[in-house]
PDB file of N, CA and C in Angstrom:
ATOM      1  N   MET A   1       0.796  -1.177   0.000  1.00  0.00           N
ATOM      2  CA  MET A   1       0.000   0.000   0.000  1.00  0.00           C
ATOM      3  C   MET A   1       0.857   1.268   0.000  1.00  0.00           C
ATOM      4  N   ILE A   2       1.921   1.251   0.793  1.00  0.00           N
ATOM      5  CA  ILE A   2       2.811   2.401   0.860  1.00  0.00           C
ATOM      6  C   ILE A   2       3.534   2.576  -0.476  1.00  0.00           C
ATOM      7  N   ALA A   3       3.898   1.478  -1.125  1.00  0.00           N
ATOM      8  CA  ALA A   3       4.577   1.565  -2.417  1.00  0.00           C
ATOM      9  C   ALA A   3       3.636   2.151  -3.470  1.00  0.00           C
ATOM     10  N   LEU A   4       2.376   1.765  -3.406  1.00  0.00           N
ATOM     11  CA  LEU A   4       1.398   2.308  -4.343  1.00  0.00           C
ATOM     12  C   LEU A   4       1.191   3.807  -4.093  1.00  0.00           C
ATOM     13  N   ARG A   5       1.154   4.191  -2.823  1.00  0.00           N
ATOM     14  CA  ARG A   5       1.002   5.596  -2.472  1.00  0.00           C
ATOM     15  C   ARG A   5       2.211   6.402  -2.936  1.00  0.00           C
ATOM     16  N   ARG A   6       3.403   5.833  -2.799  1.00  0.00           N
ATOM     17  CA  ARG A   6       4.628   6.530  -3.231  1.00  0.00           C
ATOM     18  C   ARG A   6       4.664   6.715  -4.749  1.00  0.00           C
ATOM     19  N   SER A   7       4.098   5.827  -5.486  1.00  0.00           N
ATOM     20  CA  SER A   7       4.116   5.972  -6.944  1.00  0.00           C
ATOM     21  C   SER A   7       2.967   6.860  -7.446  1.00  0.00           C
ATOM     22  N   ILE A   8       1.857   6.949  -6.737  1.00  0.00           N
ATOM     23  CA  ILE A   8       0.726   7.753  -7.159  1.00  0.00           C
ATOM     24  C   ILE A   8       0.919   9.223  -6.787  1.00  0.00           C
ATOM     25  N   VAL A   9       1.515   9.494  -5.644  1.00  0.00           N
ATOM     26  CA  VAL A   9       1.686  10.871  -5.187  1.00  0.00           C
ATOM     27  C   VAL A   9       2.482  11.705  -6.188  1.00  0.00           C
ATOM     28  N   PRO A  10       3.628  11.242  -6.713  1.00  0.00           N
ATOM     29  CA  PRO A  10       4.336  12.060  -7.713  1.00  0.00           C
ATOM     30  C   PRO A  10       3.535  12.257  -9.000  1.00  0.00           C
ATOM     31  N   LEU A  11       2.776  11.225  -9.389  1.00  0.00           N
ATOM     32  CA  LEU A  11       1.956  11.366 -10.592  1.00  0.00           C
ATOM     33  C   LEU A  11       0.861  12.401 -10.391  1.00  0.00           C
ATOM     34  N   VAL A  12       0.197  12.361  -9.258  1.00  0.00           N
ATOM     35  CA  VAL A  12      -0.850  13.339  -8.969  1.00  0.00           C
ATOM     36  C   VAL A  12      -0.246  14.733  -8.863  1.00  0.00           C
ATOM     37  N   LEU A  13       0.892  14.827  -8.191  1.00  0.00           N
ATOM     38  CA  LEU A  13       1.570  16.115  -8.066  1.00  0.00           C
ATOM     39  C   LEU A  13       1.979  16.661  -9.436  1.00  0.00           C
ATOM     40  N   ALA A  14       2.516  15.826 -10.300  1.00  0.00           N
ATOM     41  CA  ALA A  14       2.903  16.254 -11.652  1.00  0.00           C
ATOM     42  C   ALA A  14       1.669  16.683 -12.446  1.00  0.00           C
ATOM     43  N   LEU A  15       0.585  15.944 -12.295  1.00  0.00           N
ATOM     44  CA  LEU A  15      -0.652  16.297 -12.991  1.00  0.00           C
ATOM     45  C   LEU A  15      -1.180  17.648 -12.499  1.00  0.00           C
ATOM     46  N   VAL A  16      -1.133  17.898 -11.214  1.00  0.00           N
ATOM     47  CA  VAL A  16      -1.576  19.168 -10.655  1.00  0.00           C
ATOM     48  C   VAL A  16      -0.706  20.308 -11.174  1.00  0.00           C
ATOM     49  N   VAL A  17       0.615  20.100 -11.227  1.00  0.00           N
ATOM     50  CA  VAL A  17       1.530  21.126 -11.734  1.00  0.00           C
ATOM     51  C   VAL A  17       1.245  21.407 -13.206  1.00  0.00           C
ATOM     52  N   LEU A  18       0.997  20.365 -13.994  1.00  0.00           N
ATOM     53  CA  LEU A  18       0.680  20.559 -15.413  1.00  0.00           C
ATOM     54  C   LEU A  18      -0.630  21.322 -15.598  1.00  0.00           C
ATOM     55  N   VAL A  19      -1.629  21.019 -14.809  1.00  0.00           N
ATOM     56  CA  VAL A  19      -2.908  21.720 -14.919  1.00  0.00           C
ATOM     57  C   VAL A  19      -2.734  23.182 -14.534  1.00  0.00           C
ATOM     58  N   VAL A  20      -2.000  23.442 -13.469  1.00  0.00           N
ATOM     59  CA  VAL A  20      -1.763  24.826 -13.055  1.00  0.00           C
ATOM     60  C   VAL A  20      -0.992  25.575 -14.128  1.00  0.00           C
ATOM     61  N   LEU A  21       0.042  24.960 -14.678  1.00  0.00           N
ATOM     62  CA  LEU A  21       0.806  25.605 -15.751  1.00  0.00           C
ATOM     63  C   LEU A  21      -0.070  25.875 -16.966  1.00  0.00           C
ATOM     64  N   PHE A  22      -0.916  24.912 -17.313  1.00  0.00           N
ATOM     65  CA  PHE A  22      -1.785  25.090 -18.470  1.00  0.00           C
ATOM     66  C   PHE A  22      -2.720  26.277 -18.269  1.00  0.00           C
ATOM     67  N   TYR A  23      -3.318  26.370 -17.090  1.00  0.00           N
ATOM     68  CA  TYR A  23      -4.245  27.471 -16.827  1.00  0.00           C
ATOM     69  C   TYR A  23      -3.545  28.791 -16.527  1.00  0.00           C
ATOM     70  N   ALA A  24      -2.270  28.758 -16.191  1.00  0.00           N
ATOM     71  CA  ALA A  24      -1.550  30.001 -15.905  1.00  0.00           C
ATOM     72  C   ALA A  24      -0.839  30.538 -17.144  1.00  0.00           C
ATOM     73  N   VAL A  25      -0.231  29.650 -17.934  1.00  0.00           N
ATOM     74  CA  VAL A  25       0.571  30.087 -19.080  1.00  0.00           C
ATOM     75  C   VAL A  25      -0.304  30.452 -20.269  1.00  0.00           C
ATOM     76  N   LEU A  26      -1.307  29.677 -20.551  1.00  0.00           N
ATOM     77  CA  LEU A  26      -2.144  29.942 -21.727  1.00  0.00           C
ATOM     78  C   LEU A  26      -2.845  31.300 -21.639  1.00  0.00           C
ATOM     79  N   PRO A  27      -3.477  31.656 -20.544  1.00  0.00           N
ATOM     80  CA  PRO A  27      -4.082  32.995 -20.476  1.00  0.00           C
ATOM     81  C   PRO A  27      -3.041  34.109 -20.513  1.00  0.00           C
ATOM     82  N   THR A  28      -1.877  33.866 -19.953  1.00  0.00           N
ATOM     83  CA  THR A  28      -0.833  34.891 -19.972  1.00  0.00           C
ATOM     84  C   THR A  28      -0.374  35.151 -21.400  1.00  0.00           C
ATOM     85  N   ARG A  29      -0.184  34.097 -22.166  1.00  0.00           N
ATOM     86  CA  ARG A  29       0.219  34.262 -23.559  1.00  0.00           C
ATOM     87  C   ARG A  29      -0.865  34.987 -24.348  1.00  0.00           C
ATOM     88  N   THR A  30      -2.107  34.616 -24.128  1.00  0.00           N
ATOM     89  CA  THR A  30      -3.212  35.275 -24.815  1.00  0.00           C
ATOM     90  C   THR A  30      -3.272  36.745 -24.434  1.00  0.00           C
ATOM     91  N   TYR A  31      -3.084  37.033 -23.158  1.00  0.00           N
ATOM     92  CA  TYR A  31      -3.088  38.421 -22.692  1.00  0.00           C
ATOM     93  C   TYR A  31      -1.973  39.225 -23.358  1.00  0.00           C
ATOM     94  N   MET A  32      -0.778  38.653 -23.437  1.00  0.00           N
ATOM     95  CA  MET A  32       0.349  39.353 -24.061  1.00  0.00           C
ATOM     96  C   MET A  32       0.083  39.575 -25.553  1.00  0.00           C
ATOM     97  N   ASP A  33      -0.489  38.584 -26.229  1.00  0.00           N
ATOM     98  CA  ASP A  33      -0.813  38.747 -27.652  1.00  0.00           C
ATOM     99  C   ASP A  33      -1.861  39.839 -27.850  1.00  0.00           C
ATOM    100  N   GLN A  34      -2.861  39.854 -26.984  1.00  0.00           N
ATOM    101  CA  GLN A  34      -3.901  40.868 -27.094  1.00  0.00           C
ATOM    102  C   GLN A  34      -3.343  42.255 -26.786  1.00  0.00           C
ATOM    103  N   ARG A  35      -2.444  42.334 -25.839  1.00  0.00           N
ATOM    104  CA  ARG A  35      -1.838  43.620 -25.504  1.00  0.00           C
ATOM    105  C   ARG A  35      -1.004  44.151 -26.668  1.00  0.00           C
ATOM    106  N   SER A  36      -0.275  43.260 -27.329  1.00  0.00           N
ATOM    107  CA  SER A  36       0.513  43.665 -28.494  1.00  0.00           C
ATOM    108  C   SER A  36      -0.400  44.115 -29.634  1.00  0.00           C
ATOM    109  N   ALA A  37      -1.471  43.381 -29.870  1.00  0.00           N
ATOM    110  CA  ALA A  37      -2.406  43.756 -30.931  1.00  0.00           C
ATOM    111  C   ALA A  37      -3.082  45.089 -30.614  1.00  0.00           C
ATOM    112  N   THR A  38      -3.398  45.321 -29.352  1.00  0.00           N
ATOM    113  CA  THR A  38      -4.017  46.581 -28.955  1.00  0.00           C
ATOM    114  C   THR A  38      -3.064  47.753 -29.176  1.00  0.00           C
ATOM    115  N   ALA A  39      -1.790  47.549 -28.839  1.00  0.00           N
ATOM    116  CA  ALA A  39      -0.804  48.623 -29.049  1.00  0.00           C
ATOM    117  C   ALA A  39      -0.669  48.937 -30.536  1.00  0.00           C
ATOM    118  N   GLY A  40      -0.630  47.906 -31.371  1.00  0.00           N
ATOM    119  CA  GLY A  40      -0.559  48.128 -32.817  1.00  0.00           C
ATOM    120  C   GLY A  40      -1.786  48.854 -33.345  1.00  0.00           C
ATOM    121  N   ALA A  41      -2.949  48.487 -32.818  1.00  0.00           N
ATOM    122  CA  ALA A  41      -4.182  49.144 -33.248  1.00  0.00           C
ATOM    123  C   ALA A  41      -4.200  50.608 -32.811  1.00  0.00           C
ATOM    124  N   ARG A  42      -3.652  50.898 -31.633  1.00  0.00           N
ATOM    125  CA  ARG A  42      -3.600  52.295 -31.178  1.00  0.00           C
ATOM    126  C   ARG A  42      -2.695  53.134 -32.073  1.00  0.00           C
ATOM    127  N   VAL A  43      -1.572  52.575 -32.471  1.00  0.00           N
ATOM    128  CA  VAL A  43      -0.657  53.289 -33.372  1.00  0.00           C
ATOM    129  C   VAL A  43      -1.349  53.551 -34.708  1.00  0.00           C
ATOM    130  N   GLU A  44      -2.023  52.537 -35.224  1.00  0.00           N
ATOM    131  CA  GLU A  44      -2.731  52.695 -36.503  1.00  0.00           C
ATOM    132  C   GLU A  44      -3.856  53.720 -36.374  1.00  0.00           C
ATOM    133  N   LEU A  45      -4.558  53.696 -35.249  1.00  0.00           N
ATOM    134  CA  LEU A  45      -5.631  54.662 -35.023  1.00  0.00           C
ATOM    135  C   LEU A  45      -5.093  56.084 -34.967  1.00  0.00           C
ATOM    136  N   ALA A  46      -3.961  56.276 -34.306  1.00  0.00           N
ATOM    137  CA  ALA A  46      -3.360  57.614 -34.237  1.00  0.00           C
ATOM    138  C   ALA A  46      -2.979  58.107 -35.634  1.00  0.00           C
ATOM    139  N   ALA A  47      -2.421  57.208 -36.452  1.00  0.00           N
ATOM    140  CA  ALA A  47      -2.053  57.593 -37.816  1.00  0.00           C
ATOM    141  C   ALA A  47      -3.306  57.954 -38.628  1.00  0.00           C
ATOM    142  N   LEU A  48      -4.374  57.193 -38.462  1.00  0.00           N
ATOM    143  CA  LEU A  48      -5.602  57.487 -39.201  1.00  0.00           C
ATOM    144  C   LEU A  48      -6.247  58.784 -38.733  1.00  0.00           C
ATOM    145  N   VAL A  49      -6.178  59.071 -37.444  1.00  0.00           N
ATOM    146  CA  VAL A  49      -6.718  60.333 -36.935  1.00  0.00           C
ATOM    147  C   VAL A  49      -5.934  61.510 -37.512  1.00  0.00           C
ATOM    148  N   ASP A  50      -4.603  61.386 -37.553  1.00  0.00           N
ATOM    149  CA  ASP A  50      -3.782  62.442 -38.152  1.00  0.00           C
ATOM    150  C   ASP A  50      -4.121  62.635 -39.623  1.00  0.00           C
ATOM    151  N   GLU A  51      -4.285  61.525 -40.338  1.00  0.00           N
ATOM    152  CA  GLU A  51      -4.618  61.618 -41.763  1.00  0.00           C
ATOM    153  C   GLU A  51      -5.989  62.261 -41.958  1.00  0.00           C
ATOM    154  N   ASN A  52      -6.946  61.906 -41.102  1.00  0.00           N
ATOM    155  CA  ASN A  52      -8.280  62.524 -41.194  1.00  0.00           C
ATOM    156  C   ASN A  52      -8.214  64.018 -40.924  1.00  0.00           C
ATOM    157  N   ASP A  53      -7.398  64.420 -39.958  1.00  0.00           N
ATOM    158  CA  ASP A  53      -7.251  65.853 -39.679  1.00  0.00           C
ATOM    159  C   ASP A  53      -6.666  66.587 -40.882  1.00  0.00           C
ATOM    160  N   ALA A  54      -5.658  65.974 -41.507  1.00  0.00           N
ATOM    161  CA  ALA A  54      -5.052  66.598 -42.684  1.00  0.00           C
ATOM    162  C   ALA A  54      -6.066  66.687 -43.831  1.00  0.00           C
ATOM    163  N   LEU A  55      -6.853  65.639 -44.006  1.00  0.00           N
ATOM    164  CA  LEU A  55      -7.856  65.658 -45.077  1.00  0.00           C
ATOM    165  C   LEU A  55      -8.961  66.677 -44.795  1.00  0.00           C
ATOM    166  N   ARG A  56      -9.333  66.832 -43.525  1.00  0.00           N
ATOM    167  CA  ARG A  56     -10.336  67.846 -43.187  1.00  0.00           C
ATOM    168  C   ARG A  56      -9.821  69.251 -43.482  1.00  0.00           C
ATOM    169  N   SER A  57      -8.565  69.509 -43.142  1.00  0.00           N
ATOM    170  CA  SER A  57      -8.013  70.836 -43.430  1.00  0.00           C
ATOM    171  C   SER A  57      -7.891  71.050 -44.936  1.00  0.00           C
ATOM    172  N   ARG A  58      -7.552  69.990 -45.682  1.00  0.00           N
ATOM    173  CA  ARG A  58      -7.485  70.096 -47.143  1.00  0.00           C
ATOM    174  C   ARG A  58      -8.873  70.378 -47.716  1.00  0.00           C
ATOM    175  N   LEU A  59      -9.884  69.704 -47.175  1.00  0.00           N
ATOM    176  CA  LEU A  59     -11.260  69.927 -47.614  1.00  0.00           C
ATOM    177  C   LEU A  59     -11.693  71.357 -47.330  1.00  0.00           C
ATOM    178  N   LYS A  60     -11.321  71.864 -46.158  1.00  0.00           N
ATOM    179  CA  LYS A  60     -11.655  73.239 -45.812  1.00  0.00           C
ATOM    180  C   LYS A  60     -10.971  74.218 -46.762  1.00  0.00           C
ATOM    181  N   ALA A  61      -9.709  73.936 -47.110  1.00  0.00           N
ATOM    182  CA  ALA A  61      -8.987  74.811 -48.042  1.00  0.00           C
ATOM    183  C   ALA A  61      -9.611  74.761 -49.436  1.00  0.00           C
ATOM    184  N   LEU A  62     -10.033  73.578 -49.864  1.00  0.00           N
ATOM    185  CA  LEU A  62     -10.628  73.451 -51.194  1.00  0.00           C
ATOM    186  C   LEU A  62     -12.039  74.038 -51.264  1.00  0.00           C
ATOM    187  N   SER A  63     -12.607  74.401 -50.124  1.00  0.00           N
ATOM    188  CA  SER A  63     -13.910  75.071 -50.125  1.00  0.00           C
ATOM    189  C   SER A  63     -13.780  76.534 -50.511  1.00  0.00           C
ATOM    190  N   GLN A  64     -12.588  77.078 -50.458  1.00  0.00           N
ATOM    191  CA  GLN A  64     -12.347  78.482 -50.782  1.00  0.00           C
ATOM    192  C   GLN A  64     -12.134  78.634 -52.289  1.00  0.00           C
ATOM    193  N   PRO A  65     -12.794  79.575 -52.932  1.00  0.00           N
ATOM    194  CA  PRO A  65     -12.625  79.761 -54.380  1.00  0.00           C
ATOM    195  C   PRO A  65     -11.200  80.151 -54.767  1.00  0.00           C
ATOM    196  N   GLU A  66     -10.503  80.853 -53.883  1.00  0.00           N
ATOM    197  CA  GLU A  66      -9.124  81.251 -54.205  1.00  0.00           C
ATOM    198  C   GLU A  66      -8.218  80.027 -54.338  1.00  0.00           C
ATOM    199  N   GLU A  67      -8.416  79.055 -53.482  1.00  0.00           N
ATOM    200  CA  GLU A  67      -7.592  77.838 -53.532  1.00  0.00           C
ATOM    201  C   GLU A  67      -7.910  77.022 -54.780  1.00  0.00           C
ATOM    202  N   VAL A  68      -9.172  76.964 -55.134  1.00  0.00           N
ATOM    203  CA  VAL A  68      -9.559  76.235 -56.351  1.00  0.00           C
ATOM    204  C   VAL A  68      -8.953  76.912 -57.571  1.00  0.00           C
ATOM    205  N   GLU A  69      -8.995  78.244 -57.613  1.00  0.00           N
ATOM    206  CA  GLU A  69      -8.405  78.978 -58.736  1.00  0.00           C
ATOM    207  C   GLU A  69      -6.898  78.762 -58.794  1.00  0.00           C
ATOM    208  N   ARG A  70      -6.241  78.805 -57.641  1.00  0.00           N
ATOM    209  CA  ARG A  70      -4.788  78.600 -57.609  1.00  0.00           C
ATOM    210  C   ARG A  70      -4.423  77.212 -58.141  1.00  0.00           C
ATOM    211  N   LEU A  71      -5.154  76.187 -57.719  1.00  0.00           N
ATOM    212  CA  LEU A  71      -4.883  74.833 -58.207  1.00  0.00           C
ATOM    213  C   LEU A  71      -5.175  74.705 -59.698  1.00  0.00           C
ATOM    214  N   ALA A  72      -6.265  75.315 -60.157  1.00  0.00           N
ATOM    215  CA  ALA A  72      -6.614  75.231 -61.574  1.00  0.00           C
ATOM    216  C   ALA A  72      -5.544  75.884 -62.437  1.00  0.00           C
ATOM    217  N   ARG A  73      -4.994  76.986 -61.956  1.00  0.00           N
ATOM    218  CA  ARG A  73      -3.956  77.674 -62.729  1.00  0.00           C
ATOM    219  C   ARG A  73      -2.614  76.951 -62.661  1.00  0.00           C
ATOM    220  N   SER A  74      -2.217  76.512 -61.482  1.00  0.00           N
ATOM    221  CA  SER A  74      -0.866  75.953 -61.339  1.00  0.00           C
ATOM    222  C   SER A  74      -0.764  74.501 -61.813  1.00  0.00           C
ATOM    223  N   GLU A  75      -1.759  73.676 -61.506  1.00  0.00           N
ATOM    224  CA  GLU A  75      -1.633  72.256 -61.833  1.00  0.00           C
ATOM    225  C   GLU A  75      -2.281  71.871 -63.152  1.00  0.00           C
ATOM    226  N   TYR A  76      -3.304  72.611 -63.572  1.00  0.00           N
ATOM    227  CA  TYR A  76      -4.027  72.225 -64.779  1.00  0.00           C
ATOM    228  C   TYR A  76      -3.905  73.245 -65.902  1.00  0.00           C
ATOM    229  N   ASN A  77      -3.154  74.315 -65.665  1.00  0.00           N
ATOM    230  CA  ASN A  77      -2.917  75.351 -66.673  1.00  0.00           C
ATOM    231  C   ASN A  77      -4.214  75.922 -67.242  1.00  0.00           C
ATOM    232  N   LEU A  78      -5.222  76.081 -66.407  1.00  0.00           N
ATOM    233  CA  LEU A  78      -6.480  76.660 -66.833  1.00  0.00           C
ATOM    234  C   LEU A  78      -6.418  78.178 -66.683  1.00  0.00           C
ATOM    235  N   VAL A  79      -7.125  78.872 -67.573  1.00  0.00           N
ATOM    236  CA  VAL A  79      -7.171  80.336 -67.526  1.00  0.00           C
ATOM    237  C   VAL A  79      -8.617  80.775 -67.747  1.00  0.00           C
ATOM    238  N   TYR A  80      -8.876  82.018 -67.368  1.00  0.00           N
ATOM    239  CA  TYR A  80     -10.189  82.588 -67.628  1.00  0.00           C
ATOM    240  C   TYR A  80     -10.315  82.899 -69.116  1.00  0.00           C
ATOM    241  N   PRO A  81     -11.542  82.988 -69.625  1.00  0.00           N
ATOM    242  CA  PRO A  81     -11.717  83.372 -71.033  1.00  0.00           C
ATOM    243  C   PRO A  81     -11.098  84.747 -71.279  1.00  0.00           C
ATOM    244  N   GLY A  82     -10.377  84.851 -72.360  1.00  0.00           N
ATOM    245  CA  GLY A  82      -9.710  86.102 -72.715  1.00  0.00           C
ATOM    246  C   GLY A  82      -8.259  86.139 -72.246  1.00  0.00           C
ATOM    247  N   GLU A  83      -7.855  85.243 -71.358  1.00  0.00           N
ATOM    248  CA  GLU A  83      -6.458  85.185 -70.911  1.00  0.00           C
ATOM    249  C   GLU A  83      -5.699  84.190 -71.784  1.00  0.00           C
ATOM    250  N   GLU A  84      -4.406  84.350 -71.810  1.00  0.00           N
ATOM    251  CA  GLU A  84      -3.555  83.431 -72.572  1.00  0.00           C
ATOM    252  C   GLU A  84      -2.571  82.775 -71.612  1.00  0.00           C
ATOM    253  N   ALA A  85      -2.347  81.490 -71.811  1.00  0.00           N
ATOM    254  CA  ALA A  85      -1.400  80.743 -70.979  1.00  0.00           C
ATOM    255  C   ALA A  85      -0.147  80.469 -71.798  1.00  0.00           C
ATOM    256  N   TYR A  86       0.998  80.656 -71.170  1.00  0.00           N
ATOM    257  CA  TYR A  86       2.272  80.407 -71.830  1.00  0.00           C
ATOM    258  C   TYR A  86       3.038  79.364 -71.027  1.00  0.00           C
ATOM    259  N   ALA A  87       3.704  78.486 -71.729  1.00  0.00           N
ATOM    260  CA  ALA A  87       4.543  77.484 -71.072  1.00  0.00           C
ATOM    261  C   ALA A  87       5.989  77.762 -71.440  1.00  0.00           C
ATOM    262  N   ILE A  88       6.831  77.832 -70.448  1.00  0.00           N
ATOM    263  CA  ILE A  88       8.264  78.055 -70.688  1.00  0.00           C
ATOM    264  C   ILE A  88       8.957  76.707 -70.605  1.00  0.00           C
ATOM    265  N   LEU A  89       9.553  76.326 -71.715  1.00  0.00           N
ATOM    266  CA  LEU A  89      10.217  75.027 -71.766  1.00  0.00           C
ATOM    267  C   LEU A  89      11.589  75.107 -71.108  1.00  0.00           C
ATOM    268  N   PRO A  90      12.042  74.011 -70.533  1.00  0.00           N
ATOM    269  CA  PRO A  90      13.380  74.014 -69.930  1.00  0.00           C
ATOM    270  C   PRO A  90      14.453  74.032 -71.016  1.00  0.00           C
ATOM    271  N   LEU A  91      15.661  74.406 -70.629  1.00  0.00           N
ATOM    272  CA  LEU A  91      16.775  74.422 -71.570  1.00  0.00           C
ATOM    273  C   LEU A  91      17.088  73.012 -72.051  1.00  0.00           C
ATOM    274  N   ALA A  92      17.563  72.934 -73.288  1.00  0.00           N
ATOM    275  CA  ALA A  92      17.961  71.636 -73.827  1.00  0.00           C
ATOM    276  C   ALA A  92      19.214  71.160 -73.094  1.00  0.00           C
ATOM    277  N   PRO A  93      19.349  69.883 -72.896  1.00  0.00           N
ATOM    278  CA  PRO A  93      20.536  69.383 -72.187  1.00  0.00           C
ATOM    279  C   PRO A  93      21.792  69.598 -73.031  1.00  0.00           C
ATOM    280  N   GLN A  94      22.892  69.806 -72.352  1.00  0.00           N
ATOM    281  CA  GLN A  94      24.174  69.995 -73.029  1.00  0.00           C
ATOM    282  C   GLN A  94      24.609  68.679 -73.669  1.00  0.00           C
ATOM    283  N   PRO A  95      25.275  68.756 -74.843  1.00  0.00           N
ATOM    284  CA  PRO A  95      25.736  67.515 -75.472  1.00  0.00           C
ATOM    285  C   PRO A  95      26.797  66.843 -74.607  1.00  0.00           C
ATOM    286  N   VAL A  96      26.851  65.555 -74.696  1.00  0.00           N
ATOM    287  CA  VAL A  96      27.799  64.770 -73.900  1.00  0.00           C
ATOM    288  C   VAL A  96      29.163  64.802 -74.584  1.00  0.00           C
ATOM    289  N   GLU A  97      30.154  65.170 -73.829  1.00  0.00           N
ATOM    290  CA  GLU A  97      31.528  65.176 -74.339  1.00  0.00           C
ATOM    291  C   GLU A  97      32.171  63.822 -74.043  1.00  0.00           C
ATOM    292  N   ILE A  98      32.637  63.184 -75.092  1.00  0.00           N
ATOM    293  CA  ILE A  98      33.300  61.891 -74.918  1.00  0.00           C
ATOM    294  C   ILE A  98      34.783  62.141 -74.740  1.00  0.00           C
ATOM    295  N   PRO A  99      35.383  61.595 -73.691  1.00  0.00           N
ATOM    296  CA  PRO A  99      36.810  61.819 -73.475  1.00  0.00           C
ATOM    297  C   PRO A  99      37.644  61.155 -74.573  1.00  0.00           C
ATOM    298  N   ASP A 100      38.877  61.646 -74.753  1.00  0.00           N
ATOM    299  CA  ASP A 100      39.754  61.111 -75.795  1.00  0.00           C
ATOM    300  C   ASP A 100      40.174  59.678 -75.521  1.00  0.00           C
ATOM    301  N   LEU A 101      39.976  59.223 -74.340  1.00  0.00           N
ATOM    302  CA  LEU A 101      40.380  57.864 -73.995  1.00  0.00           C
ATOM    303  C   LEU A 101      39.370  56.832 -74.454  1.00  0.00           C
ATOM    304  N   TRP A 102      38.271  57.299 -74.988  1.00  0.00           N
ATOM    305  CA  TRP A 102      37.240  56.372 -75.429  1.00  0.00           C
ATOM    306  C   TRP A 102      37.803  55.482 -76.540  1.00  0.00           C
ATOM    307  N   PRO A 103      37.643  54.190 -76.476  1.00  0.00           N
ATOM    308  CA  PRO A 103      38.285  53.281 -77.442  1.00  0.00           C
ATOM    309  C   PRO A 103      37.747  53.402 -78.859  1.00  0.00           C
ATOM    310  N   LEU A 104      36.586  53.930 -79.068  1.00  0.00           N
ATOM    311  CA  LEU A 104      36.039  53.983 -80.404  1.00  0.00           C
ATOM    312  C   LEU A 104      36.205  55.357 -81.055  1.00  0.00           C
ATOM    313  N   ASN A 105      36.994  56.257 -80.440  1.00  0.00           N
ATOM    314  CA  ASN A 105      37.174  57.580 -81.034  1.00  0.00           C
ATOM    315  C   ASN A 105      37.806  57.506 -82.416  1.00  0.00           C
ATOM    316  N   ALA A 106      38.733  56.636 -82.609  1.00  0.00           N
ATOM    317  CA  ALA A 106      39.367  56.505 -83.925  1.00  0.00           C
ATOM    318  C   ALA A 106      38.344  56.073 -84.968  1.00  0.00           C
ATOM    319  N   LEU A 107      37.445  55.188 -84.595  1.00  0.00           N
ATOM    320  CA  LEU A 107      36.401  54.748 -85.506  1.00  0.00           C
ATOM    321  C   LEU A 107      35.437  55.895 -85.801  1.00  0.00           C
ATOM    322  N   VAL A 108      35.068  56.659 -84.801  1.00  0.00           N
ATOM    323  CA  VAL A 108      34.145  57.775 -85.000  1.00  0.00           C
ATOM    324  C   VAL A 108      34.773  58.817 -85.921  1.00  0.00           C
ATOM    325  N   THR A 109      36.041  59.177 -85.697  1.00  0.00           N
ATOM    326  CA  THR A 109      36.683  60.167 -86.539  1.00  0.00           C
ATOM    327  C   THR A 109      36.871  59.650 -87.964  1.00  0.00           C
ATOM    328  N   SER A 110      37.154  58.374 -88.134  1.00  0.00           N
ATOM    329  CA  SER A 110      37.331  57.847 -89.489  1.00  0.00           C
ATOM    330  C   SER A 110      35.997  57.798 -90.241  1.00  0.00           C
ATOM    331  N   LEU A 111      34.917  57.535 -89.546  1.00  0.00           N
ATOM    332  CA  LEU A 111      33.609  57.518 -90.199  1.00  0.00           C
ATOM    333  C   LEU A 111      33.100  58.917 -90.494  1.00  0.00           C
ATOM    334  N   ALA A 112      33.434  59.872 -89.601  1.00  0.00           N
ATOM    335  CA  ALA A 112      32.949  61.242 -89.778  1.00  0.00           C
ATOM    336  C   ALA A 112      33.727  61.993 -90.857  1.00  0.00           C
ATOM    337  N   GLY A 113      34.924  61.678 -91.046  1.00  0.00           N
ATOM    338  CA  GLY A 113      35.660  62.563 -91.925  1.00  0.00           C
ATOM    339  C   GLY A 113      36.612  61.863 -92.759  1.00  0.00           C
TER     340      GLY A 113
END
């Protein structure tokens, strides 16, 4: 009887420890995962709130006729009837100078002249 008790007590004790670990570790892991997800959601929410604020201010600016006119003139090159729009082209790029060390210079000069 004592031998049976000695072999059952460690098994029961191990089973109790496993049950306690299961109920203690699993909720802790879930809690940590939820806390991490909540922190990520808060960061995303802050970014979306900032973006909404910027869009609201942009909407308020676009409600003004002066801003609409400025955008129409600068981005779409629109003018009032009777006005003329001019576009100033950029300068042409400078020709590329090939150094004398270029291996095909002799071929280029022989073909050109």
